[in-house]
N, C-alpha and C. Protein backbone atom coordinates (compact mmCIF):
# COMPACT_ATOMS: atom_id res chain seq x y z
N MET A 1 0.84 -1.22 0.04
CA MET A 1 -0.03 -0.02 -0.01
C MET A 1 0.95 1.24 -0.01
N VAL A 2 0.54 2.16 -0.81
CA VAL A 2 1.34 3.39 -1.01
C VAL A 2 0.53 4.60 -0.89
N ASP A 3 1.14 5.53 -0.18
CA ASP A 3 0.48 6.90 -0.04
C ASP A 3 0.66 7.65 -1.34
N ARG A 4 -0.36 7.97 -2.02
CA ARG A 4 -0.31 8.65 -3.36
C ARG A 4 0.49 9.95 -3.29
N ALA A 5 0.29 10.77 -2.31
CA ALA A 5 1.01 12.10 -2.16
C ALA A 5 2.46 11.89 -1.90
N SER A 6 2.88 11.11 -0.88
CA SER A 6 4.29 11.06 -0.55
C SER A 6 5.02 9.92 -1.22
N ARG A 7 4.18 9.03 -1.89
CA ARG A 7 4.74 7.81 -2.55
C ARG A 7 5.44 6.87 -1.61
N ARG A 8 5.28 7.04 -0.24
CA ARG A 8 5.84 6.15 0.68
C ARG A 8 5.07 4.84 0.87
N ILE A 9 5.64 3.83 1.14
CA ILE A 9 5.04 2.60 1.31
C ILE A 9 4.57 2.50 2.78
N PHE A 10 3.25 2.21 3.10
CA PHE A 10 2.81 2.31 4.42
C PHE A 10 2.17 0.97 4.83
N GLY A 11 2.21 -0.05 4.00
CA GLY A 11 1.74 -1.29 4.35
C GLY A 11 1.88 -2.33 3.31
N ALA A 12 1.66 -3.59 3.62
CA ALA A 12 1.84 -4.74 2.73
C ALA A 12 1.03 -5.85 3.23
N HIS A 13 0.33 -6.58 2.28
CA HIS A 13 -0.29 -7.83 2.63
C HIS A 13 0.43 -8.87 1.80
N ILE A 14 0.89 -9.84 2.52
CA ILE A 14 1.55 -11.01 1.82
C ILE A 14 1.06 -12.26 2.35
N VAL A 15 0.59 -13.10 1.59
CA VAL A 15 -0.03 -14.39 2.06
C VAL A 15 0.46 -15.47 1.17
N GLY A 16 0.76 -16.60 1.84
CA GLY A 16 1.25 -17.85 1.13
C GLY A 16 2.57 -18.32 1.56
N GLU A 17 3.07 -19.22 0.74
CA GLU A 17 4.30 -19.84 1.01
C GLU A 17 5.42 -18.86 1.06
N GLN A 18 6.18 -18.83 2.06
CA GLN A 18 7.38 -18.03 2.35
C GLN A 18 6.97 -16.57 2.63
N ALA A 19 5.80 -16.35 3.05
CA ALA A 19 5.33 -14.94 3.35
C ALA A 19 6.16 -14.29 4.39
N VAL A 20 6.52 -14.99 5.42
CA VAL A 20 7.39 -14.42 6.48
C VAL A 20 8.61 -13.94 5.88
N GLU A 21 9.29 -14.67 4.96
CA GLU A 21 10.57 -14.19 4.36
C GLU A 21 10.29 -13.02 3.39
N VAL A 22 9.21 -13.04 2.67
CA VAL A 22 9.04 -12.00 1.64
C VAL A 22 8.64 -10.65 2.32
N VAL A 23 7.82 -10.71 3.47
CA VAL A 23 7.33 -9.49 4.13
C VAL A 23 8.50 -8.67 4.56
N GLN A 24 9.58 -9.30 4.91
CA GLN A 24 10.80 -8.58 5.43
C GLN A 24 11.25 -7.45 4.59
N ILE A 25 11.15 -7.69 3.27
CA ILE A 25 11.60 -6.62 2.33
C ILE A 25 10.59 -5.36 2.41
N ALA A 26 9.45 -5.67 2.47
CA ALA A 26 8.41 -4.60 2.60
C ALA A 26 8.58 -3.90 3.88
N ALA A 27 8.88 -4.65 5.03
CA ALA A 27 9.11 -4.02 6.24
C ALA A 27 10.36 -3.14 6.36
N VAL A 28 11.37 -3.62 5.70
CA VAL A 28 12.63 -2.79 5.61
C VAL A 28 12.41 -1.50 4.76
N ALA A 29 11.68 -1.63 3.78
CA ALA A 29 11.27 -0.45 2.88
C ALA A 29 10.56 0.58 3.63
N MET A 30 9.53 0.12 4.41
CA MET A 30 8.76 1.00 5.22
C MET A 30 9.53 1.64 6.34
N ARG A 31 10.35 0.92 7.03
CA ARG A 31 11.12 1.48 8.10
C ARG A 31 12.14 2.51 7.65
N ALA A 32 12.64 2.27 6.35
CA ALA A 32 13.55 3.24 5.74
C ALA A 32 12.86 4.43 5.19
N GLY A 33 11.55 4.47 5.08
CA GLY A 33 10.88 5.58 4.50
C GLY A 33 11.02 5.57 2.96
N MET A 34 11.31 4.40 2.40
CA MET A 34 11.61 4.23 1.02
C MET A 34 10.33 4.56 0.17
N PRO A 35 10.50 5.40 -0.89
CA PRO A 35 9.41 5.55 -1.70
C PRO A 35 9.28 4.42 -2.69
N VAL A 36 7.99 4.26 -3.12
CA VAL A 36 7.82 3.08 -4.02
C VAL A 36 8.64 3.06 -5.36
N ASP A 37 9.00 4.32 -5.74
CA ASP A 37 9.85 4.49 -6.91
C ASP A 37 11.21 3.83 -6.71
N ALA A 38 11.76 3.97 -5.50
CA ALA A 38 13.04 3.38 -5.18
C ALA A 38 12.90 1.84 -5.13
N LEU A 39 11.86 1.33 -4.42
CA LEU A 39 11.73 -0.05 -4.38
C LEU A 39 11.41 -0.71 -5.72
N ALA A 40 10.86 -0.07 -6.55
CA ALA A 40 10.52 -0.56 -7.93
C ALA A 40 11.79 -0.74 -8.71
N GLU A 41 12.91 -0.06 -8.34
CA GLU A 41 14.07 -0.11 -9.05
C GLU A 41 15.13 -1.11 -8.54
N VAL A 42 14.83 -1.63 -7.37
CA VAL A 42 15.66 -2.57 -6.81
C VAL A 42 15.61 -4.01 -7.58
N GLU A 43 16.74 -4.36 -7.92
CA GLU A 43 16.78 -5.66 -8.73
C GLU A 43 16.88 -6.81 -7.75
N LEU A 44 15.73 -7.46 -7.55
CA LEU A 44 15.79 -8.65 -6.69
C LEU A 44 15.95 -10.00 -7.54
N ALA A 45 16.61 -10.91 -6.95
CA ALA A 45 16.92 -12.13 -7.55
C ALA A 45 15.58 -12.77 -8.10
N TYR A 46 15.68 -13.39 -9.27
CA TYR A 46 14.57 -14.14 -9.94
C TYR A 46 15.09 -15.46 -10.45
N PRO A 47 14.42 -16.55 -10.29
CA PRO A 47 13.23 -16.67 -9.63
C PRO A 47 13.33 -16.87 -8.17
N THR A 48 12.69 -16.10 -7.42
CA THR A 48 12.56 -16.24 -5.97
C THR A 48 11.23 -15.69 -5.52
N TYR A 49 10.85 -16.12 -4.31
CA TYR A 49 9.59 -15.61 -3.80
C TYR A 49 9.64 -14.09 -3.62
N THR A 50 10.79 -13.47 -3.23
CA THR A 50 10.84 -12.12 -2.95
C THR A 50 10.76 -11.29 -4.16
N ALA A 51 10.96 -11.82 -5.38
CA ALA A 51 10.74 -11.07 -6.62
C ALA A 51 9.45 -10.38 -6.79
N ILE A 52 8.42 -11.00 -5.97
CA ILE A 52 6.98 -10.45 -6.18
C ILE A 52 6.92 -9.11 -5.55
N VAL A 53 7.78 -8.78 -4.54
CA VAL A 53 7.82 -7.50 -3.95
C VAL A 53 8.17 -6.45 -4.98
N GLY A 54 9.11 -6.68 -5.74
CA GLY A 54 9.49 -5.70 -6.83
C GLY A 54 8.40 -5.68 -7.94
N LEU A 55 7.83 -6.67 -8.26
CA LEU A 55 6.68 -6.66 -9.21
C LEU A 55 5.56 -5.87 -8.67
N ALA A 56 5.19 -6.03 -7.35
CA ALA A 56 4.10 -5.29 -6.77
C ALA A 56 4.46 -3.86 -6.71
N ALA A 57 5.76 -3.50 -6.35
CA ALA A 57 6.17 -2.04 -6.43
C ALA A 57 6.03 -1.41 -7.80
N ARG A 58 6.41 -2.14 -8.91
CA ARG A 58 6.33 -1.62 -10.14
C ARG A 58 4.90 -1.40 -10.65
N ARG A 59 4.05 -2.33 -10.27
CA ARG A 59 2.64 -2.28 -10.59
C ARG A 59 1.94 -1.09 -9.84
N ALA A 60 2.35 -0.86 -8.58
CA ALA A 60 1.92 0.32 -7.78
C ALA A 60 2.35 1.61 -8.39
N LEU A 61 3.57 1.55 -8.80
CA LEU A 61 4.19 2.86 -9.53
C LEU A 61 3.40 3.09 -10.81
N ASN A 62 3.20 2.07 -11.60
CA ASN A 62 2.37 2.26 -12.84
C ASN A 62 1.01 2.72 -12.54
N ASP A 63 0.43 2.29 -11.48
CA ASP A 63 -0.98 2.68 -11.15
C ASP A 63 -0.94 4.20 -10.77
N LEU A 64 0.16 4.66 -10.08
CA LEU A 64 0.27 6.11 -9.73
C LEU A 64 0.49 7.07 -10.94
N GLU A 65 1.20 6.52 -11.89
CA GLU A 65 1.50 7.30 -13.08
C GLU A 65 1.37 6.44 -14.34
N PRO A 66 0.25 6.17 -14.77
CA PRO A 66 -0.05 5.31 -15.84
C PRO A 66 0.24 5.93 -17.29
N THR A 67 1.52 6.23 -17.50
CA THR A 67 1.91 6.83 -18.68
C THR A 67 2.88 5.88 -19.37
N PRO A 68 2.99 5.95 -20.70
CA PRO A 68 3.93 5.06 -21.43
C PRO A 68 5.31 5.22 -20.98
N GLN A 69 5.77 6.43 -20.57
CA GLN A 69 7.15 6.64 -20.14
C GLN A 69 7.34 6.04 -18.77
N ARG A 70 6.27 5.84 -17.97
CA ARG A 70 6.55 5.29 -16.67
C ARG A 70 6.41 3.82 -16.60
N ARG A 71 6.06 3.08 -17.67
CA ARG A 71 5.91 1.72 -17.58
C ARG A 71 7.32 0.99 -17.26
N MET A 72 7.47 0.46 -16.08
CA MET A 72 8.62 -0.13 -15.60
C MET A 72 8.39 -1.65 -15.53
N ALA A 73 9.41 -2.40 -15.91
CA ALA A 73 9.31 -3.81 -15.72
C ALA A 73 10.68 -4.41 -15.66
N ALA A 74 10.78 -5.55 -14.91
CA ALA A 74 12.08 -6.22 -14.98
C ALA A 74 12.23 -6.98 -16.20
N GLU A 75 13.35 -7.38 -16.58
CA GLU A 75 13.50 -8.19 -17.90
C GLU A 75 12.72 -9.47 -17.92
N TRP A 76 12.68 -10.11 -16.71
CA TRP A 76 11.93 -11.33 -16.73
C TRP A 76 10.48 -11.17 -16.84
N GLU A 77 9.85 -9.91 -16.56
CA GLU A 77 8.48 -9.64 -16.66
C GLU A 77 8.12 -9.58 -18.10
N HIS A 78 8.96 -9.05 -18.98
CA HIS A 78 8.82 -8.94 -20.38
C HIS A 78 8.71 -10.35 -21.02
N ARG A 79 9.53 -11.21 -20.59
CA ARG A 79 9.63 -12.59 -21.15
C ARG A 79 8.40 -13.36 -20.71
N ALA A 80 7.90 -13.15 -19.48
CA ALA A 80 6.80 -13.93 -18.99
C ALA A 80 5.44 -13.51 -19.75
N GLY A 81 5.40 -12.51 -20.42
CA GLY A 81 4.30 -12.20 -21.17
C GLY A 81 3.42 -11.23 -20.65
């Protein structure tokens, strides 16, 4: 969850296998006051469970600024279709 005005991450919902491991990335980003823009640019290892955090950050960023110039995606996201 991202505050539209400040672009700061203020929450995350992670459910499923390895959720405890994955949520740590969101917790660190929130504690650091990291804007979603910065988290979206972090290159997380793929294939891993934690890669979903980067995907979620990029989707949130694209929702905040849905312009062609703002379309961010990791290389593996393009290949996946």
